[in-house]
Amino acid sequence: MGEASFRAFQAVTTGEGVGRGVTTMTVDELPEGALVDVHWSGVNYKDALASTPTGKVARISPIVPGIDLAGILAEDAAGWGAGTEVIAHGYEIGVSRHGGFAEKARVPADWLVALPSRLTLRDAMVIGTAGFTAALSVVALEEHGLRAGDGPVLVTGATGGVGSVAVSILAQRGYEVVASTGKADSHDYLRSLGAKDIVERDSLSAPGGRPLDSMAWAGAVDCVGGQTLATVLSRISYGGAVAASGITGGAAVPTTVLPFILRGVSLLGIDSVQTPIERRRAVWERLATDLKPSALADIGHDIGLDDLDGALDRTLGSAVTGRNVLDLRR
C-alpha cells in the first residue's frame, strides 16, 4: 500500500442496491479540508441508513460513512497545528462528503473541535454524536429549569447510543433516572449506568392512550418519537419538558395540544447536526467535566473495519446495546 493510500469502508449505490465493504483509497480522493489521521469513529444509526439503498441519507456515491471521527491532524491547517488531537462530527460529514470510516479524512478546519484534555480519542467516540446529542438534551432540559430533586426523569430508547449516555449523564448529576427499554436482558446494564427504575417499552408504545394521563416524570429525554413520544408527553409533570431527538418509533406523533396548553409542557427539539461550532465546542468541554458520563467503559464496544458490515446491520435492527466504536488502527 502506497504512502498516500489507506483502508476505508465504502458504500456504493448500484441501481436499487448498495454494495459496501473495505477498500483502498488515496488522499487525492478526499474532499478539501484539514487532513486527519483517524484513530476512532462511532457507529451510528445514521451511518447504517447511509449504507442502505432506502436510507435516504447519503448524498454521494461512493461514500465513506461515519458521521463522527476523532484523530490527529496530519498537517497544519488554518490555525490548527499538525499533531493536534481533534474531534469532528455533524454538518456534512458522512452524508455529502467522506466521513470517519477510514484511516484518513479531510474536514473543514472550522468544523473541528479540539479534544478536551480530560478525554482520550476513544472516549470522544464512545461519547460521539450520540453522546453529544444526549448532552445537548440534558443541557436543554436544565436551561428550561429542570433540576435534580424535581422528580424522576425518563429516558426512552435507553439502551441505544443516545439513551445510554443520557442515563449515565443524568445519574451522575443526581437525577432519579427511569429507563425505558424493550430488551429484557438489559436491565442490569441500565442499572449499572445509574437507572433507578425500568419501564417496559410496550407500556409507552401501545396506541390508544389518553392525551393527558397521570403525571409521572419531571422531564424526559426521548430517543424514539412516534407513539412513545405522545405517551411521554401525556405523563410529564406540570411545566416540565421533553427533549426529543429520535424517530426510530416514527415521525408522526399522535397527540393533541392538551399537554402543552393545560400542563404547560414544552417539547424541545434537539439537533446535533447543525449545532453552531462555538456551542459545539463548549458542550464538548462540559462532556469532559460536569457532563462527562460516568460509565464510558460500559457503553463502548470496540470493533475493527472488518467487523463493520455486521455492526451496521445490527445497528439498523436496534440490536446494539451501548455504542460500537471503530478502531481504525487495527
C-alpha atoms as a PDB file:
ATOM      1  CA  MET A   1       0.000   0.000   0.000  1.00  0.00           C
ATOM      2  CA  GLY A   2       1.477   3.349  -1.067  1.00  0.00           C
ATOM      3  CA  GLU A   3       2.207   6.136   1.389  1.00  0.00           C
ATOM      4  CA  ALA A   4      -0.872   8.114   0.301  1.00  0.00           C
ATOM      5  CA  SER A   5      -3.109   5.028   0.350  1.00  0.00           C
ATOM      6  CA  PHE A   6      -5.263   3.911   3.261  1.00  0.00           C
ATOM      7  CA  ARG A   7      -8.050   1.498   4.151  1.00  0.00           C
ATOM      8  CA  ALA A   8     -11.643   2.668   4.133  1.00  0.00           C
ATOM      9  CA  PHE A   9     -15.162   1.287   4.287  1.00  0.00           C
ATOM     10  CA  GLN A  10     -17.250   2.447   1.332  1.00  0.00           C
ATOM     11  CA  ALA A  11     -20.908   2.192   0.382  1.00  0.00           C
ATOM     12  CA  VAL A  12     -21.608   2.304  -3.362  1.00  0.00           C
ATOM     13  CA  THR A  13     -25.127   2.711  -4.736  1.00  0.00           C
ATOM     14  CA  THR A  14     -25.805   0.417  -7.701  1.00  0.00           C
ATOM     15  CA  GLY A  15     -29.329   0.813  -9.037  1.00  0.00           C
ATOM     16  CA  GLU A  16     -31.651  -0.243  -6.230  1.00  0.00           C
ATOM     17  CA  GLY A  17     -28.888  -1.835  -4.181  1.00  0.00           C
ATOM     18  CA  VAL A  18     -25.830  -0.793  -2.209  1.00  0.00           C
ATOM     19  CA  GLY A  19     -22.501  -2.567  -2.322  1.00  0.00           C
ATOM     20  CA  ARG A  20     -20.366  -1.998   0.740  1.00  0.00           C
ATOM     21  CA  GLY A  21     -17.098  -3.181   2.150  1.00  0.00           C
ATOM     22  CA  VAL A  22     -13.479  -2.403   2.916  1.00  0.00           C
ATOM     23  CA  THR A  23     -11.429  -0.954   0.075  1.00  0.00           C
ATOM     24  CA  THR A  24      -8.277   1.092  -0.546  1.00  0.00           C
ATOM     25  CA  MET A  25      -8.394   4.823  -1.188  1.00  0.00           C
ATOM     26  CA  THR A  26      -5.879   7.575  -1.765  1.00  0.00           C
ATOM     27  CA  VAL A  27      -5.689  11.010  -0.190  1.00  0.00           C
ATOM     28  CA  ASP A  28      -6.438  12.533  -3.589  1.00  0.00           C
ATOM     29  CA  GLU A  29      -9.946  11.031  -3.400  1.00  0.00           C
ATOM     30  CA  LEU A  30     -10.777  13.017  -0.263  1.00  0.00           C
ATOM     31  CA  PRO A  31     -12.507  16.418  -0.384  1.00  0.00           C
ATOM     32  CA  GLU A  32     -10.784  19.653   0.580  1.00  0.00           C
ATOM     33  CA  GLY A  33     -10.092  20.273   4.254  1.00  0.00           C
ATOM     34  CA  ALA A  34      -7.719  19.604   7.102  1.00  0.00           C
ATOM     35  CA  LEU A  35      -6.190  16.120   6.820  1.00  0.00           C
ATOM     36  CA  VAL A  36      -6.854  13.951   9.876  1.00  0.00           C
ATOM     37  CA  ASP A  37      -5.286  10.607  10.728  1.00  0.00           C
ATOM     38  CA  VAL A  38      -8.441   8.970  12.070  1.00  0.00           C
ATOM     39  CA  HIS A  39      -7.979   6.788  15.148  1.00  0.00           C
ATOM     40  CA  TRP A  40     -11.607   6.245  16.159  1.00  0.00           C
ATOM     41  CA  SER A  41     -15.093   6.631  14.745  1.00  0.00           C
ATOM     42  CA  GLY A  42     -18.534   5.727  16.049  1.00  0.00           C
ATOM     43  CA  VAL A  43     -21.213   3.521  14.501  1.00  0.00           C
ATOM     44  CA  ASN A  44     -24.467   5.468  14.416  1.00  0.00           C
ATOM     45  CA  TYR A  45     -27.990   4.704  13.211  1.00  0.00           C
ATOM     46  CA  LYS A  46     -27.493   7.382  10.551  1.00  0.00           C
ATOM     47  CA  ASP A  47     -24.389   5.560   9.311  1.00  0.00           C
ATOM     48  CA  ALA A  48     -26.420   2.375   8.955  1.00  0.00           C
ATOM     49  CA  LEU A  49     -29.031   4.280   6.928  1.00  0.00           C
ATOM     50  CA  ALA A  50     -26.293   5.757   4.723  1.00  0.00           C
ATOM     51  CA  SER A  51     -25.229   2.186   3.903  1.00  0.00           C
ATOM     52  CA  THR A  52     -28.665   1.046   2.697  1.00  0.00           C
ATOM     53  CA  PRO A  53     -30.446   1.669  -0.621  1.00  0.00           C
ATOM     54  CA  THR A  54     -33.538   3.161   1.019  1.00  0.00           C
ATOM     55  CA  GLY A  55     -31.898   5.085   3.847  1.00  0.00           C
ATOM     56  CA  LYS A  56     -32.114   8.480   2.079  1.00  0.00           C
ATOM     57  CA  VAL A  57     -29.051   9.734   3.952  1.00  0.00           C
ATOM     58  CA  ALA A  58     -26.052   9.509   1.600  1.00  0.00           C
ATOM     59  CA  ARG A  59     -25.849  12.343  -0.914  1.00  0.00           C
ATOM     60  CA  ILE A  60     -22.884  10.986  -2.867  1.00  0.00           C
ATOM     61  CA  SER A  61     -21.772   7.602  -4.144  1.00  0.00           C
ATOM     62  CA  PRO A  62     -19.403   6.087  -3.398  1.00  0.00           C
ATOM     63  CA  ILE A  63     -19.395   7.386   0.162  1.00  0.00           C
ATOM     64  CA  VAL A  64     -17.305   6.647   3.219  1.00  0.00           C
ATOM     65  CA  PRO A  65     -19.928   6.718   6.004  1.00  0.00           C
ATOM     66  CA  GLY A  66     -19.110   7.768   9.538  1.00  0.00           C
ATOM     67  CA  ILE A  67     -20.718  10.952  10.816  1.00  0.00           C
ATOM     68  CA  ASP A  68     -18.174  11.351  13.621  1.00  0.00           C
ATOM     69  CA  LEU A  69     -14.435  10.856  13.996  1.00  0.00           C
ATOM     70  CA  ALA A  70     -11.534  11.514  16.330  1.00  0.00           C
ATOM     71  CA  GLY A  71      -7.897  11.621  15.382  1.00  0.00           C
ATOM     72  CA  ILE A  72      -4.731  13.644  14.946  1.00  0.00           C
ATOM     73  CA  LEU A  73      -4.137  16.412  12.423  1.00  0.00           C
ATOM     74  CA  ALA A  74      -1.611  15.229   9.866  1.00  0.00           C
ATOM     75  CA  GLU A  75      -0.649  18.758   8.788  1.00  0.00           C
ATOM     76  CA  ASP A  76      -1.059  22.407   9.748  1.00  0.00           C
ATOM     77  CA  ALA A  77      -4.445  23.819   8.763  1.00  0.00           C
ATOM     78  CA  ALA A  78      -5.967  27.288   9.215  1.00  0.00           C
ATOM     79  CA  GLY A  79      -4.682  27.973  12.705  1.00  0.00           C
ATOM     80  CA  TRP A  80      -4.529  24.327  13.772  1.00  0.00           C
ATOM     81  CA  GLY A  81      -1.119  22.760  14.245  1.00  0.00           C
ATOM     82  CA  ALA A  82      -0.106  19.344  12.991  1.00  0.00           C
ATOM     83  CA  GLY A  83      -0.340  16.793  15.778  1.00  0.00           C
ATOM     84  CA  THR A  84      -3.384  18.375  17.429  1.00  0.00           C
ATOM     85  CA  GLU A  85      -5.929  15.861  18.678  1.00  0.00           C
ATOM     86  CA  VAL A  86      -9.338  16.739  17.248  1.00  0.00           C
ATOM     87  CA  ILE A  87     -12.970  15.662  17.079  1.00  0.00           C
ATOM     88  CA  ALA A  88     -15.342  16.265  14.170  1.00  0.00           C
ATOM     89  CA  HIS A  89     -18.967  15.333  13.689  1.00  0.00           C
ATOM     90  CA  GLY A  90     -22.204  16.557  12.144  1.00  0.00           C
ATOM     91  CA  TYR A  91     -22.520  19.113   9.354  1.00  0.00           C
ATOM     92  CA  GLU A  92     -21.972  17.186   6.074  1.00  0.00           C
ATOM     93  CA  ILE A  93     -19.569  14.535   7.398  1.00  0.00           C
ATOM     94  CA  GLY A  94     -20.538  11.038   6.245  1.00  0.00           C
ATOM     95  CA  VAL A  95     -23.507  12.420   4.296  1.00  0.00           C
ATOM     96  CA  SER A  96     -22.336  14.588   1.402  1.00  0.00           C
ATOM     97  CA  ARG A  97     -18.599  14.177   1.998  1.00  0.00           C
ATOM     98  CA  HIS A  98     -16.494  11.205   3.067  1.00  0.00           C
ATOM     99  CA  GLY A  99     -16.635  10.500   6.786  1.00  0.00           C
ATOM    100  CA  GLY A 100     -14.923   8.658   9.582  1.00  0.00           C
ATOM    101  CA  PHE A 101     -14.926   5.013   8.443  1.00  0.00           C
ATOM    102  CA  ALA A 102     -11.430   5.381   7.009  1.00  0.00           C
ATOM    103  CA  GLU A 103      -7.882   5.716   8.245  1.00  0.00           C
ATOM    104  CA  LYS A 104      -7.766   9.267   6.871  1.00  0.00           C
ATOM    105  CA  ALA A 105     -10.335  12.026   6.405  1.00  0.00           C
ATOM    106  CA  ARG A 106     -10.428  15.659   5.388  1.00  0.00           C
ATOM    107  CA  VAL A 107     -12.603  18.035   7.402  1.00  0.00           C
ATOM    108  CA  PRO A 108     -13.053  21.818   7.042  1.00  0.00           C
ATOM    109  CA  ALA A 109     -10.951  23.417   9.771  1.00  0.00           C
ATOM    110  CA  ASP A 110     -13.859  25.441  11.115  1.00  0.00           C
ATOM    111  CA  TRP A 111     -15.762  22.207  11.860  1.00  0.00           C
ATOM    112  CA  LEU A 112     -13.025  20.896  14.166  1.00  0.00           C
ATOM    113  CA  VAL A 113     -13.229  20.630  17.942  1.00  0.00           C
ATOM    114  CA  ALA A 114     -10.038  20.348  19.986  1.00  0.00           C
ATOM    115  CA  LEU A 115     -10.050  17.194  22.105  1.00  0.00           C
ATOM    116  CA  PRO A 116     -10.620  18.272  25.735  1.00  0.00           C
ATOM    117  CA  SER A 117      -7.696  17.424  27.985  1.00  0.00           C
ATOM    118  CA  ARG A 118      -9.699  15.042  30.192  1.00  0.00           C
ATOM    119  CA  LEU A 119     -10.836  12.826  27.318  1.00  0.00           C
ATOM    120  CA  THR A 120      -8.974  10.305  25.179  1.00  0.00           C
ATOM    121  CA  LEU A 121      -9.705   9.953  21.488  1.00  0.00           C
ATOM    122  CA  ARG A 122     -11.519   6.715  22.255  1.00  0.00           C
ATOM    123  CA  ASP A 123     -13.554   8.409  24.997  1.00  0.00           C
ATOM    124  CA  ALA A 124     -14.608  11.032  22.474  1.00  0.00           C
ATOM    125  CA  MET A 125     -16.039   8.419  20.123  1.00  0.00           C
ATOM    126  CA  VAL A 126     -17.680   6.369  22.861  1.00  0.00           C
ATOM    127  CA  ILE A 127     -19.493   9.641  23.503  1.00  0.00           C
ATOM    128  CA  GLY A 128     -19.596  10.574  19.808  1.00  0.00           C
ATOM    129  CA  THR A 129     -22.568  12.071  18.031  1.00  0.00           C
ATOM    130  CA  ALA A 130     -24.942  10.050  20.186  1.00  0.00           C
ATOM    131  CA  GLY A 131     -23.417  11.232  23.455  1.00  0.00           C
ATOM    132  CA  PHE A 132     -23.187  14.798  22.202  1.00  0.00           C
ATOM    133  CA  THR A 133     -26.912  14.612  21.387  1.00  0.00           C
ATOM    134  CA  ALA A 134     -27.571  13.258  24.878  1.00  0.00           C
ATOM    135  CA  ALA A 135     -25.575  16.118  26.388  1.00  0.00           C
ATOM    136  CA  LEU A 136     -27.470  18.688  24.304  1.00  0.00           C
ATOM    137  CA  SER A 137     -30.691  17.117  25.588  1.00  0.00           C
ATOM    138  CA  VAL A 138     -29.636  17.413  29.230  1.00  0.00           C
ATOM    139  CA  VAL A 139     -28.417  20.986  28.692  1.00  0.00           C
ATOM    140  CA  ALA A 140     -31.737  21.927  27.048  1.00  0.00           C
ATOM    141  CA  LEU A 141     -33.752  20.425  29.913  1.00  0.00           C
ATOM    142  CA  GLU A 142     -31.636  22.232  32.506  1.00  0.00           C
ATOM    143  CA  GLU A 143     -31.831  25.515  30.582  1.00  0.00           C
ATOM    144  CA  HIS A 144     -35.602  25.014  30.714  1.00  0.00           C
ATOM    145  CA  GLY A 145     -35.319  24.762  34.503  1.00  0.00           C
ATOM    146  CA  LEU A 146     -35.057  21.045  35.309  1.00  0.00           C
ATOM    147  CA  ARG A 147     -33.080  20.285  38.462  1.00  0.00           C
ATOM    148  CA  ALA A 148     -32.218  17.152  40.389  1.00  0.00           C
ATOM    149  CA  GLY A 149     -34.880  16.742  43.039  1.00  0.00           C
ATOM    150  CA  ASP A 150     -37.746  17.872  40.806  1.00  0.00           C
ATOM    151  CA  GLY A 151     -38.811  14.260  40.288  1.00  0.00           C
ATOM    152  CA  PRO A 152     -37.976  11.256  38.115  1.00  0.00           C
ATOM    153  CA  VAL A 153     -36.595  11.844  34.615  1.00  0.00           C
ATOM    154  CA  LEU A 154     -37.424   9.342  31.869  1.00  0.00           C
ATOM    155  CA  VAL A 155     -35.070   8.219  29.100  1.00  0.00           C
ATOM    156  CA  THR A 156     -36.656   6.294  26.213  1.00  0.00           C
ATOM    157  CA  GLY A 157     -34.653   4.010  23.931  1.00  0.00           C
ATOM    158  CA  ALA A 158     -32.316   3.804  26.888  1.00  0.00           C
ATOM    159  CA  THR A 159     -30.025   1.037  25.627  1.00  0.00           C
ATOM    160  CA  GLY A 160     -29.106   2.913  22.439  1.00  0.00           C
ATOM    161  CA  GLY A 161     -26.218   5.312  21.974  1.00  0.00           C
ATOM    162  CA  VAL A 162     -28.105   8.496  22.909  1.00  0.00           C
ATOM    163  CA  GLY A 163     -30.122   6.788  25.620  1.00  0.00           C
ATOM    164  CA  SER A 164     -27.182   5.063  27.304  1.00  0.00           C
ATOM    165  CA  VAL A 165     -25.185   8.267  27.597  1.00  0.00           C
ATOM    166  CA  ALA A 166     -28.247  10.238  28.717  1.00  0.00           C
ATOM    167  CA  VAL A 167     -28.885   7.756  31.534  1.00  0.00           C
ATOM    168  CA  SER A 168     -25.252   7.982  32.637  1.00  0.00           C
ATOM    169  CA  ILE A 169     -25.077  11.803  32.489  1.00  0.00           C
ATOM    170  CA  LEU A 170     -28.356  12.289  34.331  1.00  0.00           C
ATOM    171  CA  ALA A 171     -27.478   9.746  37.014  1.00  0.00           C
ATOM    172  CA  GLN A 172     -24.095  11.279  37.775  1.00  0.00           C
ATOM    173  CA  ARG A 173     -25.777  14.694  38.024  1.00  0.00           C
ATOM    174  CA  GLY A 174     -28.032  13.393  40.770  1.00  0.00           C
ATOM    175  CA  TYR A 175     -31.267  12.756  38.900  1.00  0.00           C
ATOM    176  CA  GLU A 176     -33.588   9.837  39.610  1.00  0.00           C
ATOM    177  CA  VAL A 177     -33.457   8.175  36.197  1.00  0.00           C
ATOM    178  CA  VAL A 178     -36.193   5.936  34.815  1.00  0.00           C
ATOM    179  CA  ALA A 179     -35.057   3.996  31.732  1.00  0.00           C
ATOM    180  CA  SER A 180     -37.391   2.602  29.085  1.00  0.00           C
ATOM    181  CA  THR A 181     -36.353  -0.448  27.056  1.00  0.00           C
ATOM    182  CA  GLY A 182     -37.800  -3.405  25.213  1.00  0.00           C
ATOM    183  CA  LYS A 183     -34.761  -5.556  25.909  1.00  0.00           C
ATOM    184  CA  ALA A 184     -35.496  -7.818  28.864  1.00  0.00           C
ATOM    185  CA  ASP A 185     -31.836  -8.776  29.256  1.00  0.00           C
ATOM    186  CA  SER A 186     -30.617  -5.160  29.522  1.00  0.00           C
ATOM    187  CA  HIS A 187     -31.958  -4.231  32.957  1.00  0.00           C
ATOM    188  CA  ASP A 188     -28.676  -4.922  34.753  1.00  0.00           C
ATOM    189  CA  TYR A 189     -26.824  -2.885  32.122  1.00  0.00           C
ATOM    190  CA  LEU A 190     -29.138   0.096  32.599  1.00  0.00           C
ATOM    191  CA  ARG A 191     -28.858  -0.108  36.364  1.00  0.00           C
ATOM    192  CA  SER A 192     -25.065  -0.150  36.010  1.00  0.00           C
ATOM    193  CA  LEU A 193     -25.367   3.164  34.153  1.00  0.00           C
ATOM    194  CA  GLY A 194     -27.353   4.620  37.025  1.00  0.00           C
ATOM    195  CA  ALA A 195     -31.022   3.925  36.239  1.00  0.00           C
ATOM    196  CA  LYS A 196     -33.155   3.590  39.383  1.00  0.00           C
ATOM    197  CA  ASP A 197     -36.183   2.093  37.678  1.00  0.00           C
ATOM    198  CA  ILE A 198     -37.055   0.381  34.377  1.00  0.00           C
ATOM    199  CA  VAL A 199     -40.197   0.893  32.289  1.00  0.00           C
ATOM    200  CA  GLU A 200     -41.094  -1.631  29.594  1.00  0.00           C
ATOM    201  CA  ARG A 201     -41.155  -0.157  26.090  1.00  0.00           C
ATOM    202  CA  ASP A 202     -44.565  -1.653  25.292  1.00  0.00           C
ATOM    203  CA  SER A 203     -46.195   0.382  28.057  1.00  0.00           C
ATOM    204  CA  LEU A 204     -45.192   3.551  26.191  1.00  0.00           C
ATOM    205  CA  SER A 205     -45.569   2.448  22.567  1.00  0.00           C
ATOM    206  CA  ALA A 206     -49.079   0.937  22.712  1.00  0.00           C
ATOM    207  CA  PRO A 207     -51.560   3.093  20.748  1.00  0.00           C
ATOM    208  CA  GLY A 208     -54.833   4.441  22.104  1.00  0.00           C
ATOM    209  CA  GLY A 209     -53.627   6.169  25.247  1.00  0.00           C
ATOM    210  CA  ARG A 210     -55.195   9.311  26.669  1.00  0.00           C
ATOM    211  CA  PRO A 211     -53.769  12.699  25.602  1.00  0.00           C
ATOM    212  CA  LEU A 212     -53.480  13.548  29.313  1.00  0.00           C
ATOM    213  CA  ASP A 213     -52.620  10.815  31.792  1.00  0.00           C
ATOM    214  CA  SER A 214     -51.373  10.777  35.365  1.00  0.00           C
ATOM    215  CA  MET A 215     -48.195  12.810  35.816  1.00  0.00           C
ATOM    216  CA  ALA A 216     -45.125  10.623  36.327  1.00  0.00           C
ATOM    217  CA  TRP A 217     -41.927  12.380  35.194  1.00  0.00           C
ATOM    218  CA  ALA A 218     -40.478  15.854  35.697  1.00  0.00           C
ATOM    219  CA  GLY A 219     -38.808  15.658  32.298  1.00  0.00           C
ATOM    220  CA  ALA A 220     -37.678  13.234  29.644  1.00  0.00           C
ATOM    221  CA  VAL A 221     -35.050  12.539  27.017  1.00  0.00           C
ATOM    222  CA  ASP A 222     -36.895  10.903  24.122  1.00  0.00           C
ATOM    223  CA  CYS A 223     -34.856   8.987  21.550  1.00  0.00           C
ATOM    224  CA  VAL A 224     -37.836   7.243  19.921  1.00  0.00           C
ATOM    225  CA  GLY A 225     -40.600   9.595  18.741  1.00  0.00           C
ATOM    226  CA  GLY A 226     -43.924   8.324  17.406  1.00  0.00           C
ATOM    227  CA  GLN A 227     -46.470   6.902  19.817  1.00  0.00           C
ATOM    228  CA  THR A 228     -43.843   6.684  22.542  1.00  0.00           C
ATOM    229  CA  LEU A 229     -43.319  10.445  22.475  1.00  0.00           C
ATOM    230  CA  ALA A 230     -47.085  11.025  22.564  1.00  0.00           C
ATOM    231  CA  THR A 231     -47.407   8.822  25.659  1.00  0.00           C
ATOM    232  CA  VAL A 232     -44.463  10.521  27.353  1.00  0.00           C
ATOM    233  CA  LEU A 233     -45.926  13.986  26.724  1.00  0.00           C
ATOM    234  CA  SER A 234     -49.188  12.898  28.333  1.00  0.00           C
ATOM    235  CA  ARG A 235     -47.392  11.992  31.571  1.00  0.00           C
ATOM    236  CA  ILE A 236     -44.945  14.876  32.056  1.00  0.00           C
ATOM    237  CA  SER A 237     -45.485  16.900  35.216  1.00  0.00           C
ATOM    238  CA  TYR A 238     -46.809  20.455  35.076  1.00  0.00           C
ATOM    239  CA  GLY A 239     -44.286  22.814  33.488  1.00  0.00           C
ATOM    240  CA  GLY A 240     -41.919  20.004  32.544  1.00  0.00           C
ATOM    241  CA  ALA A 241     -40.267  19.352  29.217  1.00  0.00           C
ATOM    242  CA  VAL A 242     -39.247  16.602  26.808  1.00  0.00           C
ATOM    243  CA  ALA A 243     -36.008  16.843  24.812  1.00  0.00           C
ATOM    244  CA  ALA A 244     -36.671  14.885  21.612  1.00  0.00           C
ATOM    245  CA  SER A 245     -34.030  13.714  19.149  1.00  0.00           C
ATOM    246  CA  GLY A 246     -35.112  10.375  17.655  1.00  0.00           C
ATOM    247  CA  ILE A 247     -37.630   8.929  15.209  1.00  0.00           C
ATOM    248  CA  THR A 248     -36.989   5.194  15.386  1.00  0.00           C
ATOM    249  CA  GLY A 249     -40.619   4.853  16.516  1.00  0.00           C
ATOM    250  CA  GLY A 250     -41.876   7.049  13.676  1.00  0.00           C
ATOM    251  CA  ALA A 251     -42.018  10.725  12.760  1.00  0.00           C
ATOM    252  CA  ALA A 252     -45.761  11.152  13.320  1.00  0.00           C
ATOM    253  CA  VAL A 253     -46.749  11.950  16.925  1.00  0.00           C
ATOM    254  CA  PRO A 254     -50.408  11.096  17.617  1.00  0.00           C
ATOM    255  CA  THR A 255     -51.170  13.619  20.348  1.00  0.00           C
ATOM    256  CA  THR A 256     -53.169  16.787  20.958  1.00  0.00           C
ATOM    257  CA  VAL A 257     -52.342  20.265  22.228  1.00  0.00           C
ATOM    258  CA  LEU A 258     -53.636  19.364  25.706  1.00  0.00           C
ATOM    259  CA  PRO A 259     -50.239  18.608  27.332  1.00  0.00           C
ATOM    260  CA  PHE A 260     -48.974  21.965  26.103  1.00  0.00           C
ATOM    261  CA  ILE A 261     -51.925  24.219  26.991  1.00  0.00           C
ATOM    262  CA  LEU A 262     -53.248  22.511  30.130  1.00  0.00           C
ATOM    263  CA  ARG A 263     -49.972  21.489  31.766  1.00  0.00           C
ATOM    264  CA  GLY A 264     -47.513  23.906  30.193  1.00  0.00           C
ATOM    265  CA  VAL A 265     -45.364  21.055  28.892  1.00  0.00           C
ATOM    266  CA  SER A 266     -42.603  22.014  26.437  1.00  0.00           C
ATOM    267  CA  LEU A 267     -41.249  19.934  23.559  1.00  0.00           C
ATOM    268  CA  LEU A 268     -37.572  20.761  22.960  1.00  0.00           C
ATOM    269  CA  GLY A 269     -36.210  19.693  19.586  1.00  0.00           C
ATOM    270  CA  ILE A 270     -32.575  18.561  19.695  1.00  0.00           C
ATOM    271  CA  ASP A 271     -30.416  18.811  16.567  1.00  0.00           C
ATOM    272  CA  SER A 272     -26.750  17.871  16.749  1.00  0.00           C
ATOM    273  CA  VAL A 273     -26.013  18.180  13.019  1.00  0.00           C
ATOM    274  CA  GLN A 274     -26.000  21.946  12.566  1.00  0.00           C
ATOM    275  CA  THR A 275     -25.142  22.983  16.124  1.00  0.00           C
ATOM    276  CA  PRO A 276     -23.068  26.193  15.818  1.00  0.00           C
ATOM    277  CA  ILE A 277     -19.400  25.452  16.324  1.00  0.00           C
ATOM    278  CA  GLU A 278     -18.923  27.632  19.427  1.00  0.00           C
ATOM    279  CA  ARG A 279     -21.779  25.903  21.259  1.00  0.00           C
ATOM    280  CA  ARG A 280     -20.473  22.570  19.983  1.00  0.00           C
ATOM    281  CA  ARG A 281     -17.024  23.249  21.423  1.00  0.00           C
ATOM    282  CA  ALA A 282     -18.489  24.486  24.721  1.00  0.00           C
ATOM    283  CA  VAL A 283     -20.625  21.352  25.159  1.00  0.00           C
ATOM    284  CA  TRP A 284     -17.602  19.139  24.420  1.00  0.00           C
ATOM    285  CA  GLU A 285     -15.671  20.911  27.181  1.00  0.00           C
ATOM    286  CA  ARG A 286     -18.534  20.094  29.537  1.00  0.00           C
ATOM    287  CA  LEU A 287     -18.536  16.480  28.314  1.00  0.00           C
ATOM    288  CA  ALA A 288     -15.019  16.292  29.719  1.00  0.00           C
ATOM    289  CA  THR A 289     -16.062  17.814  33.047  1.00  0.00           C
ATOM    290  CA  ASP A 290     -19.514  18.167  34.638  1.00  0.00           C
ATOM    291  CA  LEU A 291     -21.383  16.331  31.853  1.00  0.00           C
ATOM    292  CA  LYS A 292     -18.890  13.500  31.482  1.00  0.00           C
ATOM    293  CA  PRO A 293     -20.694  10.136  31.500  1.00  0.00           C
ATOM    294  CA  SER A 294     -19.603   8.063  34.458  1.00  0.00           C
ATOM    295  CA  ALA A 295     -19.869   4.735  32.637  1.00  0.00           C
ATOM    296  CA  LEU A 296     -17.823   5.119  29.441  1.00  0.00           C
ATOM    297  CA  ALA A 297     -16.190   1.720  29.937  1.00  0.00           C
ATOM    298  CA  ASP A 298     -19.603   0.028  29.936  1.00  0.00           C
ATOM    299  CA  ILE A 299     -21.081   1.955  26.994  1.00  0.00           C
ATOM    300  CA  GLY A 300     -18.361   1.433  24.351  1.00  0.00           C
ATOM    301  CA  HIS A 301     -17.588  -1.781  22.426  1.00  0.00           C
ATOM    302  CA  ASP A 302     -14.518  -1.785  20.148  1.00  0.00           C
ATOM    303  CA  ILE A 303     -14.643  -3.163  16.606  1.00  0.00           C
ATOM    304  CA  GLY A 304     -12.410  -3.014  13.524  1.00  0.00           C
ATOM    305  CA  LEU A 305     -13.087  -2.179   9.876  1.00  0.00           C
ATOM    306  CA  ASP A 306     -13.590  -5.857   9.047  1.00  0.00           C
ATOM    307  CA  ASP A 307     -16.359  -6.059  11.676  1.00  0.00           C
ATOM    308  CA  LEU A 308     -18.211  -3.036  10.381  1.00  0.00           C
ATOM    309  CA  ASP A 309     -20.594  -4.646   7.899  1.00  0.00           C
ATOM    310  CA  GLY A 310     -22.257  -6.774  10.555  1.00  0.00           C
ATOM    311  CA  ALA A 311     -22.239  -3.935  13.071  1.00  0.00           C
ATOM    312  CA  LEU A 312     -24.199  -1.746  10.655  1.00  0.00           C
ATOM    313  CA  ASP A 313     -26.837  -4.453  10.228  1.00  0.00           C
ATOM    314  CA  ARG A 314     -27.180  -4.849  13.986  1.00  0.00           C
ATOM    315  CA  THR A 315     -27.452  -1.082  14.415  1.00  0.00           C
ATOM    316  CA  LEU A 316     -30.221  -0.871  11.836  1.00  0.00           C
ATOM    317  CA  GLY A 317     -32.051  -3.672  13.624  1.00  0.00           C
ATOM    318  CA  SER A 318     -31.704  -1.938  17.014  1.00  0.00           C
ATOM    319  CA  ALA A 319     -29.740  -4.956  18.231  1.00  0.00           C
ATOM    320  CA  VAL A 320     -26.901  -2.969  19.811  1.00  0.00           C
ATOM    321  CA  THR A 321     -26.652  -2.157  23.494  1.00  0.00           C
ATOM    322  CA  GLY A 322     -24.462   0.875  24.122  1.00  0.00           C
ATOM    323  CA  ARG A 323     -22.252   2.094  21.311  1.00  0.00           C
ATOM    324  CA  ASN A 324     -19.916   0.376  18.844  1.00  0.00           C
ATOM    325  CA  VAL A 325     -16.693   2.321  18.346  1.00  0.00           C
ATOM    326  CA  LEU A 326     -14.491   1.711  15.324  1.00  0.00           C
ATOM    327  CA  ASP A 327     -10.746   1.405  15.946  1.00  0.00           C
ATOM    328  CA  LEU A 328      -9.041   2.496  12.709  1.00  0.00           C
ATOM    329  CA  ARG A 329      -5.611   1.422  13.960  1.00  0.00           C
ATOM    330  CA  ARG A 330      -6.493  -2.310  13.895  1.00  0.00           C
END
